[in-house]
Amino acid sequence: EMQTKMAEMQERLAEQEVIGQSGAGMVTVTLNGKGEMRSVKVDPSLIIPAEAEVMEDLITAAHNDALSKVEAQKKEESSKMMGGLQLPPGFKLPF
């Protein structure tokens, strides 16, 4: 039964999308619940060849913001499924 619930949770998470932002919303990255990047949006004012390094840093920051949100969703869903049972520190689920 627990395996079935975990599989269902993984499916729900995979269907969800989270958006990470950086640069006050000038760069947004959308990830699915598996952490796979779905899209990147960059404010046109940032597309200046001399500022490529800044834009790259902002994209990385937005991706990391979205990824941390995916991890938070996984933790929340896992907690719901486990009925509030806390996992030992450092224990990771297989997804």
C-alpha atoms as a PDB file:
ATOM      1  CA  GLU A   1       0.000   0.000   0.000  1.00  0.00           C
ATOM      2  CA  MET A   2       2.841   2.377   0.857  1.00  0.00           C
ATOM      3  CA  GLN A   3       4.478   1.736  -2.532  1.00  0.00           C
ATOM      4  CA  THR A   4       1.207   2.566  -4.269  1.00  0.00           C
ATOM      5  CA  LYS A   5       0.886   5.803  -2.306  1.00  0.00           C
ATOM      6  CA  MET A   6       4.483   6.745  -3.093  1.00  0.00           C
ATOM      7  CA  ALA A   7       3.958   6.068  -6.803  1.00  0.00           C
ATOM      8  CA  GLU A   8       0.815   8.211  -6.786  1.00  0.00           C
ATOM      9  CA  MET A   9       2.665  10.998  -4.971  1.00  0.00           C
ATOM     10  CA  GLN A  10       5.501  10.873  -7.514  1.00  0.00           C
ATOM     11  CA  GLU A  11       2.981  11.155 -10.361  1.00  0.00           C
ATOM     12  CA  ARG A  12       1.291  14.156  -8.711  1.00  0.00           C
ATOM     13  CA  LEU A  13       4.618  15.852  -8.132  1.00  0.00           C
ATOM     14  CA  ALA A  14       5.749  15.242 -11.712  1.00  0.00           C
ATOM     15  CA  GLU A  15       2.626  17.021 -12.975  1.00  0.00           C
ATOM     16  CA  GLN A  16       3.159  20.088 -10.787  1.00  0.00           C
ATOM     17  CA  GLU A  17       5.215  23.054 -11.895  1.00  0.00           C
ATOM     18  CA  VAL A  18       7.116  25.535  -9.777  1.00  0.00           C
ATOM     19  CA  ILE A  19       8.598  28.854 -10.808  1.00  0.00           C
ATOM     20  CA  GLY A  20      11.853  30.220  -9.457  1.00  0.00           C
ATOM     21  CA  GLN A  21      12.829  33.839  -9.873  1.00  0.00           C
ATOM     22  CA  SER A  22      15.881  36.033  -9.612  1.00  0.00           C
ATOM     23  CA  GLY A  23      16.722  39.636 -10.338  1.00  0.00           C
ATOM     24  CA  ALA A  24      13.383  40.838  -8.945  1.00  0.00           C
ATOM     25  CA  GLY A  25      11.514  38.650 -11.422  1.00  0.00           C
ATOM     26  CA  MET A  26      13.616  39.558 -14.451  1.00  0.00           C
ATOM     27  CA  VAL A  27      14.551  35.887 -14.859  1.00  0.00           C
ATOM     28  CA  THR A  28      12.111  33.048 -14.240  1.00  0.00           C
ATOM     29  CA  VAL A  29      12.694  29.320 -14.518  1.00  0.00           C
ATOM     30  CA  THR A  30       9.893  26.753 -14.500  1.00  0.00           C
ATOM     31  CA  LEU A  31      10.588  23.218 -13.291  1.00  0.00           C
ATOM     32  CA  ASN A  32       8.361  20.189 -13.009  1.00  0.00           C
ATOM     33  CA  GLY A  33       8.124  18.221  -9.793  1.00  0.00           C
ATOM     34  CA  LYS A  34      11.038  16.034 -10.863  1.00  0.00           C
ATOM     35  CA  GLY A  35      13.301  19.070 -11.074  1.00  0.00           C
ATOM     36  CA  GLU A  36      13.408  19.053 -14.870  1.00  0.00           C
ATOM     37  CA  MET A  37      13.557  22.523 -16.402  1.00  0.00           C
ATOM     38  CA  ARG A  38      10.527  23.309 -18.554  1.00  0.00           C
ATOM     39  CA  SER A  39      11.141  26.920 -19.504  1.00  0.00           C
ATOM     40  CA  VAL A  40      13.313  29.977 -18.985  1.00  0.00           C
ATOM     41  CA  LYS A  41      12.067  33.528 -19.417  1.00  0.00           C
ATOM     42  CA  VAL A  42      14.470  36.472 -19.497  1.00  0.00           C
ATOM     43  CA  ASP A  43      13.411  40.120 -19.430  1.00  0.00           C
ATOM     44  CA  PRO A  44      14.516  41.648 -22.762  1.00  0.00           C
ATOM     45  CA  SER A  45      16.344  44.453 -20.944  1.00  0.00           C
ATOM     46  CA  LEU A  46      18.890  41.877 -19.736  1.00  0.00           C
ATOM     47  CA  ILE A  47      19.824  40.722 -23.217  1.00  0.00           C
ATOM     48  CA  ILE A  48      22.948  42.813 -23.589  1.00  0.00           C
ATOM     49  CA  PRO A  49      26.016  40.961 -24.854  1.00  0.00           C
ATOM     50  CA  ALA A  50      28.304  42.689 -22.349  1.00  0.00           C
ATOM     51  CA  GLU A  51      26.040  41.505 -19.501  1.00  0.00           C
ATOM     52  CA  ALA A  52      26.002  37.824 -20.492  1.00  0.00           C
ATOM     53  CA  GLU A  53      27.745  36.755 -17.277  1.00  0.00           C
ATOM     54  CA  VAL A  54      25.166  38.561 -15.117  1.00  0.00           C
ATOM     55  CA  MET A  55      22.333  36.912 -17.070  1.00  0.00           C
ATOM     56  CA  GLU A  56      23.946  33.484 -16.662  1.00  0.00           C
ATOM     57  CA  ASP A  57      24.217  34.029 -12.903  1.00  0.00           C
ATOM     58  CA  LEU A  58      20.568  35.116 -12.718  1.00  0.00           C
ATOM     59  CA  ILE A  59      19.431  32.028 -14.643  1.00  0.00           C
ATOM     60  CA  THR A  60      21.412  29.812 -12.284  1.00  0.00           C
ATOM     61  CA  ALA A  61      19.912  31.576  -9.251  1.00  0.00           C
ATOM     62  CA  ALA A  62      16.359  31.258 -10.643  1.00  0.00           C
ATOM     63  CA  HIS A  63      16.904  27.552 -11.331  1.00  0.00           C
ATOM     64  CA  ASN A  64      18.174  26.976  -7.809  1.00  0.00           C
ATOM     65  CA  ASP A  65      15.189  28.887  -6.387  1.00  0.00           C
ATOM     66  CA  ALA A  66      12.765  26.694  -8.344  1.00  0.00           C
ATOM     67  CA  LEU A  67      14.631  23.521  -7.395  1.00  0.00           C
ATOM     68  CA  SER A  68      14.440  24.375  -3.690  1.00  0.00           C
ATOM     69  CA  LYS A  69      10.678  24.822  -4.116  1.00  0.00           C
ATOM     70  CA  VAL A  70      10.422  21.388  -5.758  1.00  0.00           C
ATOM     71  CA  GLU A  71      12.286  19.864  -2.802  1.00  0.00           C
ATOM     72  CA  ALA A  72       9.959  21.644  -0.354  1.00  0.00           C
ATOM     73  CA  GLN A  73       6.921  20.254  -2.200  1.00  0.00           C
ATOM     74  CA  LYS A  74       8.374  16.739  -2.077  1.00  0.00           C
ATOM     75  CA  LYS A  75       8.978  17.074   1.641  1.00  0.00           C
ATOM     76  CA  GLU A  76       5.445  18.383   2.241  1.00  0.00           C
ATOM     77  CA  GLU A  77       3.827  15.629   0.165  1.00  0.00           C
ATOM     78  CA  SER A  78       5.944  12.977   1.875  1.00  0.00           C
ATOM     79  CA  SER A  79       4.975  14.309   5.279  1.00  0.00           C
ATOM     80  CA  LYS A  80       1.279  14.190   4.351  1.00  0.00           C
ATOM     81  CA  MET A  81       1.628  10.652   3.070  1.00  0.00           C
ATOM     82  CA  MET A  82       3.484   9.498   6.182  1.00  0.00           C
ATOM     83  CA  GLY A  83       0.845  11.043   8.429  1.00  0.00           C
ATOM     84  CA  GLY A  84       3.279  13.551   9.915  1.00  0.00           C
ATOM     85  CA  LEU A  85       5.888  10.908  10.707  1.00  0.00           C
ATOM     86  CA  GLN A  86       9.287  12.581  10.538  1.00  0.00           C
ATOM     87  CA  LEU A  87      12.076  10.842   8.662  1.00  0.00           C
ATOM     88  CA  PRO A  88      15.502  10.617  10.308  1.00  0.00           C
ATOM     89  CA  PRO A  89      17.849  13.521   9.466  1.00  0.00           C
ATOM     90  CA  GLY A  90      19.705  12.884   6.233  1.00  0.00           C
ATOM     91  CA  PHE A  91      17.254  10.206   5.069  1.00  0.00           C
ATOM     92  CA  LYS A  92      16.246  10.724   1.446  1.00  0.00           C
ATOM     93  CA  LEU A  93      13.333   9.203  -0.366  1.00  0.00           C
ATOM     94  CA  PRO A  94      14.123   7.466  -3.672  1.00  0.00           C
ATOM     95  CA  PHE A  95      12.786  10.239  -5.949  1.00  0.00           C
END
